[in-house]
Amino acid sequence: MTIPPDDIIIAAENLWKIYQMGKQEVRALCGVSFSVKRNELLAIMGPSGSGKSTLMNLIGCLDSPTKGNYYLNGRLVSELSENELAFIRNREIGFVFQVFNLLPRATTFHNVELPLIYKGTSKKERTEKTHKALEMVEMNHRKNHRPPELSGGERQRVAIARALVNDPALLLADEPTGNLDSKTGHEILNLFHKIHAQGNTIIMVTHDENIARQAQRIIFIRDGKIERVEKRKERNDII
């Protein structure tokens, strides 16, 4: 596979993930190939056990394929060192999970600021970037509150701000509305559309077709393979 063009942020060719469970071989992914353009809003959808979580882990550089090629930002991930992969996970990919993974005793501001501390960013720049990320998700007015003092939707907004604070090339969201009621889930999805409109590339992994249909394109996965790809002309308004 040749290095993908500049407008392609992700290129995957013939990705396999095989787990050895004693004498049994479990094929979680079976020859998956696809690409993602910059500033695309993509959904990866499939039932439980379809392989979508395994694929998300490969996209997020949290795991490596058994075989196949995966390019992120023009770099072949399999050729990167552990330090380079850690760098990518901290600075180039923003993760948003179904569980918010916030520090309960830390303020909203400090939770969002943490990736910048790990990065070694100066205090002045940390303050500026943290305020900017909180403004983007409309949570600056709650910057001194701790997670137990926030609603589920507010906590997810804080988690999204934390994912955005390093200006990542890619925002990767795993069931981002899974723990939220429908009204709050709609608000979070509209926030994703706002973030996408500002130029971010977003991949949402979900089992919910209503969520997936907010994307520009949907990759349907079943039994470790791409079942079909659906391109949508425009999103449905949630509100």
C-alpha atoms as a PDB file:
ATOM      1  CA  MET A   1       0.000   0.000   0.000  1.00  0.00           C
ATOM      2  CA  THR A   2       1.397   3.406  -0.945  1.00  0.00           C
ATOM      3  CA  ILE A   3       1.322   6.361   1.440  1.00  0.00           C
ATOM      4  CA  PRO A   4      -2.200   7.853   1.221  1.00  0.00           C
ATOM      5  CA  PRO A   5      -2.757  11.395  -0.120  1.00  0.00           C
ATOM      6  CA  ASP A   6      -2.833  14.392   2.251  1.00  0.00           C
ATOM      7  CA  ASP A   7      -6.629  14.617   2.329  1.00  0.00           C
ATOM      8  CA  ILE A   8      -6.842  11.108   3.860  1.00  0.00           C
ATOM      9  CA  ILE A   9      -6.290  11.016   7.628  1.00  0.00           C
ATOM     10  CA  ILE A  10      -6.883   7.245   8.006  1.00  0.00           C
ATOM     11  CA  ALA A  11      -6.194   4.454   5.542  1.00  0.00           C
ATOM     12  CA  ALA A  12      -6.649   0.818   6.504  1.00  0.00           C
ATOM     13  CA  GLU A  13      -5.846  -2.069   4.195  1.00  0.00           C
ATOM     14  CA  ASN A  14      -6.736  -5.696   4.931  1.00  0.00           C
ATOM     15  CA  LEU A  15      -6.740  -5.341   8.737  1.00  0.00           C
ATOM     16  CA  TRP A  16      -6.966  -8.604  10.679  1.00  0.00           C
ATOM     17  CA  LYS A  17      -7.118  -9.080  14.432  1.00  0.00           C
ATOM     18  CA  ILE A  18      -6.851 -12.669  15.641  1.00  0.00           C
ATOM     19  CA  TYR A  19      -6.878 -13.667  19.299  1.00  0.00           C
ATOM     20  CA  GLN A  20      -5.592 -17.019  20.517  1.00  0.00           C
ATOM     21  CA  MET A  21      -7.910 -18.343  23.241  1.00  0.00           C
ATOM     22  CA  GLY A  22      -6.144 -21.550  24.299  1.00  0.00           C
ATOM     23  CA  LYS A  23      -6.390 -23.827  21.283  1.00  0.00           C
ATOM     24  CA  GLN A  24      -9.175 -21.767  19.774  1.00  0.00           C
ATOM     25  CA  GLU A  25      -8.538 -18.940  17.295  1.00  0.00           C
ATOM     26  CA  VAL A  26     -10.950 -15.999  17.473  1.00  0.00           C
ATOM     27  CA  ARG A  27     -11.057 -13.749  14.420  1.00  0.00           C
ATOM     28  CA  ALA A  28     -12.289 -10.379  15.644  1.00  0.00           C
ATOM     29  CA  LEU A  29     -11.491  -8.588  12.363  1.00  0.00           C
ATOM     30  CA  CYS A  30     -11.220 -10.283   8.986  1.00  0.00           C
ATOM     31  CA  GLY A  31      -9.608  -8.216   6.245  1.00  0.00           C
ATOM     32  CA  VAL A  32     -11.135  -4.775   6.868  1.00  0.00           C
ATOM     33  CA  SER A  33     -10.228  -1.996   4.399  1.00  0.00           C
ATOM     34  CA  PHE A  34     -11.445   1.621   4.378  1.00  0.00           C
ATOM     35  CA  SER A  35     -10.254   5.232   4.444  1.00  0.00           C
ATOM     36  CA  VAL A  36     -11.387   8.401   6.200  1.00  0.00           C
ATOM     37  CA  LYS A  37     -11.045  11.892   4.766  1.00  0.00           C
ATOM     38  CA  ARG A  38     -10.012  14.883   6.839  1.00  0.00           C
ATOM     39  CA  ASN A  39     -12.995  16.729   8.332  1.00  0.00           C
ATOM     40  CA  GLU A  40     -15.263  13.723   7.804  1.00  0.00           C
ATOM     41  CA  LEU A  41     -17.917  12.750  10.330  1.00  0.00           C
ATOM     42  CA  LEU A  42     -17.985   8.955  10.167  1.00  0.00           C
ATOM     43  CA  ALA A  43     -19.960   6.378  12.120  1.00  0.00           C
ATOM     44  CA  ILE A  44     -18.876   2.769  12.607  1.00  0.00           C
ATOM     45  CA  MET A  45     -21.901   0.697  13.481  1.00  0.00           C
ATOM     46  CA  GLY A  46     -22.465  -2.922  14.402  1.00  0.00           C
ATOM     47  CA  PRO A  47     -24.081  -5.194  16.989  1.00  0.00           C
ATOM     48  CA  SER A  48     -22.288  -6.433  20.083  1.00  0.00           C
ATOM     49  CA  GLY A  49     -19.472  -8.781  19.076  1.00  0.00           C
ATOM     50  CA  SER A  50     -19.295  -7.442  15.519  1.00  0.00           C
ATOM     51  CA  GLY A  51     -15.695  -6.239  15.840  1.00  0.00           C
ATOM     52  CA  LYS A  52     -16.384  -2.515  16.011  1.00  0.00           C
ATOM     53  CA  SER A  53     -14.696  -2.082  19.427  1.00  0.00           C
ATOM     54  CA  THR A  54     -11.651  -4.007  18.187  1.00  0.00           C
ATOM     55  CA  LEU A  55     -11.520  -1.712  15.153  1.00  0.00           C
ATOM     56  CA  MET A  56     -11.825   1.345  17.392  1.00  0.00           C
ATOM     57  CA  ASN A  57      -8.841   0.145  19.435  1.00  0.00           C
ATOM     58  CA  LEU A  58      -6.776  -0.201  16.249  1.00  0.00           C
ATOM     59  CA  ILE A  59      -7.824   3.236  14.977  1.00  0.00           C
ATOM     60  CA  GLY A  60      -6.931   4.765  18.344  1.00  0.00           C
ATOM     61  CA  CYS A  61      -3.515   3.037  18.433  1.00  0.00           C
ATOM     62  CA  LEU A  62      -4.562   1.241  21.620  1.00  0.00           C
ATOM     63  CA  ASP A  63      -3.869  -2.119  19.947  1.00  0.00           C
ATOM     64  CA  SER A  64      -2.105  -3.351  16.824  1.00  0.00           C
ATOM     65  CA  PRO A  65      -3.464  -5.551  14.003  1.00  0.00           C
ATOM     66  CA  THR A  66      -2.364  -9.147  13.557  1.00  0.00           C
ATOM     67  CA  LYS A  67      -1.748  -8.289   9.922  1.00  0.00           C
ATOM     68  CA  GLY A  68      -2.558  -5.539   7.449  1.00  0.00           C
ATOM     69  CA  ASN A  69      -1.551  -1.887   7.102  1.00  0.00           C
ATOM     70  CA  TYR A  70      -2.913   1.074   9.056  1.00  0.00           C
ATOM     71  CA  TYR A  71      -1.860   4.616   8.160  1.00  0.00           C
ATOM     72  CA  LEU A  72      -2.656   7.576  10.408  1.00  0.00           C
ATOM     73  CA  ASN A  73      -1.727  11.022   9.122  1.00  0.00           C
ATOM     74  CA  GLY A  74       0.455   9.440   6.462  1.00  0.00           C
ATOM     75  CA  ARG A  75       2.453   7.273   8.874  1.00  0.00           C
ATOM     76  CA  LEU A  76       2.401   3.487   8.945  1.00  0.00           C
ATOM     77  CA  VAL A  77       1.452   2.795  12.568  1.00  0.00           C
ATOM     78  CA  SER A  78       3.120  -0.639  12.708  1.00  0.00           C
ATOM     79  CA  GLU A  79       6.505   1.014  12.165  1.00  0.00           C
ATOM     80  CA  LEU A  80       6.157   3.406  15.119  1.00  0.00           C
ATOM     81  CA  SER A  81       7.866   2.887  18.492  1.00  0.00           C
ATOM     82  CA  GLU A  82       5.973   2.703  21.799  1.00  0.00           C
ATOM     83  CA  ASN A  83       7.036   6.277  22.572  1.00  0.00           C
ATOM     84  CA  GLU A  84       5.761   7.473  19.203  1.00  0.00           C
ATOM     85  CA  LEU A  85       2.452   5.661  19.750  1.00  0.00           C
ATOM     86  CA  ALA A  86       2.098   7.239  23.204  1.00  0.00           C
ATOM     87  CA  PHE A  87       2.768  10.637  21.601  1.00  0.00           C
ATOM     88  CA  ILE A  88       0.001  10.019  19.036  1.00  0.00           C
ATOM     89  CA  ARG A  89      -2.499   8.893  21.688  1.00  0.00           C
ATOM     90  CA  ASN A  90      -1.822  11.969  23.805  1.00  0.00           C
ATOM     91  CA  ARG A  91      -1.621  14.645  21.112  1.00  0.00           C
ATOM     92  CA  GLU A  92      -3.177  13.492  17.845  1.00  0.00           C
ATOM     93  CA  ILE A  93      -6.236  11.529  18.984  1.00  0.00           C
ATOM     94  CA  GLY A  94      -8.906  12.780  21.356  1.00  0.00           C
ATOM     95  CA  PHE A  95     -10.856   9.969  23.045  1.00  0.00           C
ATOM     96  CA  VAL A  96     -14.460  10.264  24.254  1.00  0.00           C
ATOM     97  CA  PHE A  97     -15.828   7.184  26.029  1.00  0.00           C
ATOM     98  CA  GLN A  98     -19.246   6.031  27.219  1.00  0.00           C
ATOM     99  CA  VAL A  99     -17.936   6.267  30.793  1.00  0.00           C
ATOM    100  CA  PHE A 100     -16.568   9.747  31.334  1.00  0.00           C
ATOM    101  CA  ASN A 101     -13.310   8.780  33.094  1.00  0.00           C
ATOM    102  CA  LEU A 102     -13.088  12.063  34.993  1.00  0.00           C
ATOM    103  CA  LEU A 103     -11.191  12.471  38.262  1.00  0.00           C
ATOM    104  CA  PRO A 104     -13.987  12.879  40.841  1.00  0.00           C
ATOM    105  CA  ARG A 105     -12.035  15.141  43.213  1.00  0.00           C
ATOM    106  CA  ALA A 106     -10.591  17.385  40.492  1.00  0.00           C
ATOM    107  CA  THR A 107     -12.362  20.459  39.161  1.00  0.00           C
ATOM    108  CA  THR A 108     -13.710  20.677  35.633  1.00  0.00           C
ATOM    109  CA  PHE A 109     -10.775  22.931  34.745  1.00  0.00           C
ATOM    110  CA  HIS A 110      -8.171  20.508  36.085  1.00  0.00           C
ATOM    111  CA  ASN A 111      -9.775  17.496  34.394  1.00  0.00           C
ATOM    112  CA  VAL A 112      -9.581  19.251  31.033  1.00  0.00           C
ATOM    113  CA  GLU A 113      -6.077  20.559  31.717  1.00  0.00           C
ATOM    114  CA  LEU A 114      -4.576  17.121  32.500  1.00  0.00           C
ATOM    115  CA  PRO A 115      -3.472  16.136  28.952  1.00  0.00           C
ATOM    116  CA  LEU A 116      -1.572  19.426  28.706  1.00  0.00           C
ATOM    117  CA  ILE A 117       0.196  18.721  31.998  1.00  0.00           C
ATOM    118  CA  TYR A 118       1.274  15.304  30.676  1.00  0.00           C
ATOM    119  CA  LYS A 119       2.462  17.048  27.525  1.00  0.00           C
ATOM    120  CA  GLY A 120       4.604  19.483  29.512  1.00  0.00           C
ATOM    121  CA  THR A 121       2.779  22.609  28.332  1.00  0.00           C
ATOM    122  CA  SER A 122       3.566  25.856  30.158  1.00  0.00           C
ATOM    123  CA  LYS A 123       1.054  27.083  32.727  1.00  0.00           C
ATOM    124  CA  LYS A 124       0.111  30.149  30.678  1.00  0.00           C
ATOM    125  CA  GLU A 125      -0.573  28.092  27.541  1.00  0.00           C
ATOM    126  CA  ARG A 126      -2.422  25.439  29.587  1.00  0.00           C
ATOM    127  CA  THR A 127      -4.751  28.103  30.964  1.00  0.00           C
ATOM    128  CA  GLU A 128      -5.452  29.563  27.522  1.00  0.00           C
ATOM    129  CA  LYS A 129      -6.080  26.184  25.868  1.00  0.00           C
ATOM    130  CA  THR A 130      -8.220  24.870  28.716  1.00  0.00           C
ATOM    131  CA  HIS A 131     -10.439  27.973  28.646  1.00  0.00           C
ATOM    132  CA  LYS A 132     -10.750  27.653  24.861  1.00  0.00           C
ATOM    133  CA  ALA A 133     -11.785  23.976  25.079  1.00  0.00           C
ATOM    134  CA  LEU A 134     -14.312  24.725  27.840  1.00  0.00           C
ATOM    135  CA  GLU A 135     -15.777  27.594  25.799  1.00  0.00           C
ATOM    136  CA  MET A 136     -16.199  25.252  22.832  1.00  0.00           C
ATOM    137  CA  VAL A 137     -18.401  22.916  24.894  1.00  0.00           C
ATOM    138  CA  GLU A 138     -20.071  25.781  26.809  1.00  0.00           C
ATOM    139  CA  MET A 139     -18.738  24.710  30.208  1.00  0.00           C
ATOM    140  CA  ASN A 140     -16.552  27.629  31.290  1.00  0.00           C
ATOM    141  CA  HIS A 141     -19.193  28.677  33.817  1.00  0.00           C
ATOM    142  CA  ARG A 142     -18.751  25.290  35.552  1.00  0.00           C
ATOM    143  CA  LYS A 143     -14.956  25.259  35.543  1.00  0.00           C
ATOM    144  CA  ASN A 144     -14.657  25.172  39.345  1.00  0.00           C
ATOM    145  CA  HIS A 145     -17.194  22.389  39.857  1.00  0.00           C
ATOM    146  CA  ARG A 146     -16.249  18.740  40.402  1.00  0.00           C
ATOM    147  CA  PRO A 147     -17.805  15.803  38.492  1.00  0.00           C
ATOM    148  CA  PRO A 148     -20.219  14.774  41.312  1.00  0.00           C
ATOM    149  CA  GLU A 149     -21.678  18.295  41.103  1.00  0.00           C
ATOM    150  CA  LEU A 150     -22.379  17.972  37.355  1.00  0.00           C
ATOM    151  CA  SER A 151     -25.135  16.278  35.380  1.00  0.00           C
ATOM    152  CA  GLY A 152     -24.348  13.384  33.028  1.00  0.00           C
ATOM    153  CA  GLY A 153     -24.498  15.667  30.021  1.00  0.00           C
ATOM    154  CA  GLU A 154     -22.210  18.212  31.663  1.00  0.00           C
ATOM    155  CA  ARG A 155     -19.704  15.492  32.535  1.00  0.00           C
ATOM    156  CA  GLN A 156     -19.696  14.297  28.929  1.00  0.00           C
ATOM    157  CA  ARG A 157     -19.099  17.890  27.784  1.00  0.00           C
ATOM    158  CA  VAL A 158     -16.108  18.067  30.129  1.00  0.00           C
ATOM    159  CA  ALA A 159     -14.827  14.768  28.714  1.00  0.00           C
ATOM    160  CA  ILE A 160     -15.189  16.166  25.188  1.00  0.00           C
ATOM    161  CA  ALA A 161     -13.325  19.350  26.172  1.00  0.00           C
ATOM    162  CA  ARG A 162     -10.525  17.195  27.589  1.00  0.00           C
ATOM    163  CA  ALA A 163     -10.391  15.273  24.296  1.00  0.00           C
ATOM    164  CA  LEU A 164     -10.165  18.532  22.319  1.00  0.00           C
ATOM    165  CA  VAL A 165      -7.669  20.429  24.479  1.00  0.00           C
ATOM    166  CA  ASN A 166      -4.607  19.193  22.565  1.00  0.00           C
ATOM    167  CA  ASP A 167      -6.140  20.158  19.186  1.00  0.00           C
ATOM    168  CA  PRO A 168      -6.125  16.514  17.994  1.00  0.00           C
ATOM    169  CA  ALA A 169      -6.278  15.558  14.335  1.00  0.00           C
ATOM    170  CA  LEU A 170      -8.965  12.996  15.156  1.00  0.00           C
ATOM    171  CA  LEU A 171     -11.786  12.784  17.705  1.00  0.00           C
ATOM    172  CA  LEU A 172     -12.710   9.153  18.438  1.00  0.00           C
ATOM    173  CA  ALA A 173     -15.980   8.651  20.316  1.00  0.00           C
ATOM    174  CA  ASP A 174     -17.056   5.236  21.655  1.00  0.00           C
ATOM    175  CA  GLU A 175     -20.823   5.113  22.386  1.00  0.00           C
ATOM    176  CA  PRO A 176     -20.661   8.806  23.434  1.00  0.00           C
ATOM    177  CA  THR A 177     -24.355   8.981  24.360  1.00  0.00           C
ATOM    178  CA  GLY A 178     -24.675   5.483  25.818  1.00  0.00           C
ATOM    179  CA  ASN A 179     -25.043   6.606  29.449  1.00  0.00           C
ATOM    180  CA  LEU A 180     -27.242   9.621  28.719  1.00  0.00           C
ATOM    181  CA  ASP A 181     -30.985  10.142  28.429  1.00  0.00           C
ATOM    182  CA  SER A 182     -32.294  10.881  24.929  1.00  0.00           C
ATOM    183  CA  LYS A 183     -32.588  14.661  25.381  1.00  0.00           C
ATOM    184  CA  THR A 184     -29.040  14.977  26.733  1.00  0.00           C
ATOM    185  CA  GLY A 185     -27.795  12.587  24.046  1.00  0.00           C
ATOM    186  CA  HIS A 186     -29.272  14.880  21.394  1.00  0.00           C
ATOM    187  CA  GLU A 187     -27.469  17.843  22.924  1.00  0.00           C
ATOM    188  CA  ILE A 188     -24.138  15.977  22.841  1.00  0.00           C
ATOM    189  CA  LEU A 189     -24.658  14.966  19.204  1.00  0.00           C
ATOM    190  CA  ASN A 190     -25.423  18.554  18.263  1.00  0.00           C
ATOM    191  CA  LEU A 191     -22.199  19.513  20.025  1.00  0.00           C
ATOM    192  CA  PHE A 192     -20.339  16.997  17.846  1.00  0.00           C
ATOM    193  CA  HIS A 193     -21.834  18.629  14.757  1.00  0.00           C
ATOM    194  CA  LYS A 194     -20.656  22.011  15.994  1.00  0.00           C
ATOM    195  CA  ILE A 195     -17.133  20.631  16.550  1.00  0.00           C
ATOM    196  CA  HIS A 196     -17.197  18.966  13.133  1.00  0.00           C
ATOM    197  CA  ALA A 197     -18.248  22.242  11.486  1.00  0.00           C
ATOM    198  CA  GLN A 198     -15.091  23.849  12.896  1.00  0.00           C
ATOM    199  CA  GLY A 199     -12.926  21.413  10.924  1.00  0.00           C
ATOM    200  CA  ASN A 200     -12.468  18.376  13.177  1.00  0.00           C
ATOM    201  CA  THR A 201     -12.471  14.779  11.938  1.00  0.00           C
ATOM    202  CA  ILE A 202     -14.812  12.674  14.077  1.00  0.00           C
ATOM    203  CA  ILE A 203     -15.396   8.913  14.204  1.00  0.00           C
ATOM    204  CA  MET A 204     -18.307   7.681  16.307  1.00  0.00           C
ATOM    205  CA  VAL A 205     -18.498   3.990  17.203  1.00  0.00           C
ATOM    206  CA  THR A 206     -22.045   2.924  18.075  1.00  0.00           C
ATOM    207  CA  HIS A 207     -24.634   0.159  17.987  1.00  0.00           C
ATOM    208  CA  ASP A 208     -27.449   2.741  17.739  1.00  0.00           C
ATOM    209  CA  GLU A 209     -28.633   3.429  14.180  1.00  0.00           C
ATOM    210  CA  ASN A 210     -30.242   6.745  15.189  1.00  0.00           C
ATOM    211  CA  ILE A 211     -26.819   7.946  16.342  1.00  0.00           C
ATOM    212  CA  ALA A 212     -25.035   6.550  13.283  1.00  0.00           C
ATOM    213  CA  ARG A 213     -27.406   8.324  10.919  1.00  0.00           C
ATOM    214  CA  GLN A 214     -26.122  11.690  12.109  1.00  0.00           C
ATOM    215  CA  ALA A 215     -22.837  10.982  10.298  1.00  0.00           C
ATOM    216  CA  GLN A 216     -21.902  11.742   6.701  1.00  0.00           C
ATOM    217  CA  ARG A 217     -21.030   8.093   6.123  1.00  0.00           C
ATOM    218  CA  ILE A 218     -21.706   4.846   7.982  1.00  0.00           C
ATOM    219  CA  ILE A 219     -19.544   1.735   7.928  1.00  0.00           C
ATOM    220  CA  PHE A 220     -21.614  -1.288   8.981  1.00  0.00           C
ATOM    221  CA  ILE A 221     -19.604  -4.123  10.544  1.00  0.00           C
ATOM    222  CA  ARG A 222     -20.760  -7.671  11.197  1.00  0.00           C
ATOM    223  CA  ASP A 223     -18.732 -10.770  12.125  1.00  0.00           C
ATOM    224  CA  GLY A 224     -15.453  -8.866  11.775  1.00  0.00           C
ATOM    225  CA  LYS A 225     -16.122  -7.746   8.201  1.00  0.00           C
ATOM    226  CA  ILE A 226     -17.483  -4.621   6.542  1.00  0.00           C
ATOM    227  CA  GLU A 227     -21.031  -5.563   5.590  1.00  0.00           C
ATOM    228  CA  ARG A 228     -21.753  -2.357   3.686  1.00  0.00           C
ATOM    229  CA  VAL A 229     -20.995   1.359   3.567  1.00  0.00           C
ATOM    230  CA  GLU A 230     -23.738   3.952   3.410  1.00  0.00           C
ATOM    231  CA  LYS A 231     -23.041   7.514   2.317  1.00  0.00           C
ATOM    232  CA  ARG A 232     -25.526  10.106   3.484  1.00  0.00           C
ATOM    233  CA  LYS A 233     -26.190  13.284   1.527  1.00  0.00           C
ATOM    234  CA  GLU A 234     -26.887  15.312   4.640  1.00  0.00           C
ATOM    235  CA  ARG A 235     -27.497  14.681   8.299  1.00  0.00           C
ATOM    236  CA  ASN A 236     -30.884  14.572   9.932  1.00  0.00           C
ATOM    237  CA  ASP A 237     -31.394  17.464  12.350  1.00  0.00           C
ATOM    238  CA  ILE A 238     -31.730  16.100  15.847  1.00  0.00           C
ATOM    239  CA  ILE A 239     -33.428  19.110  17.349  1.00  0.00           C
END
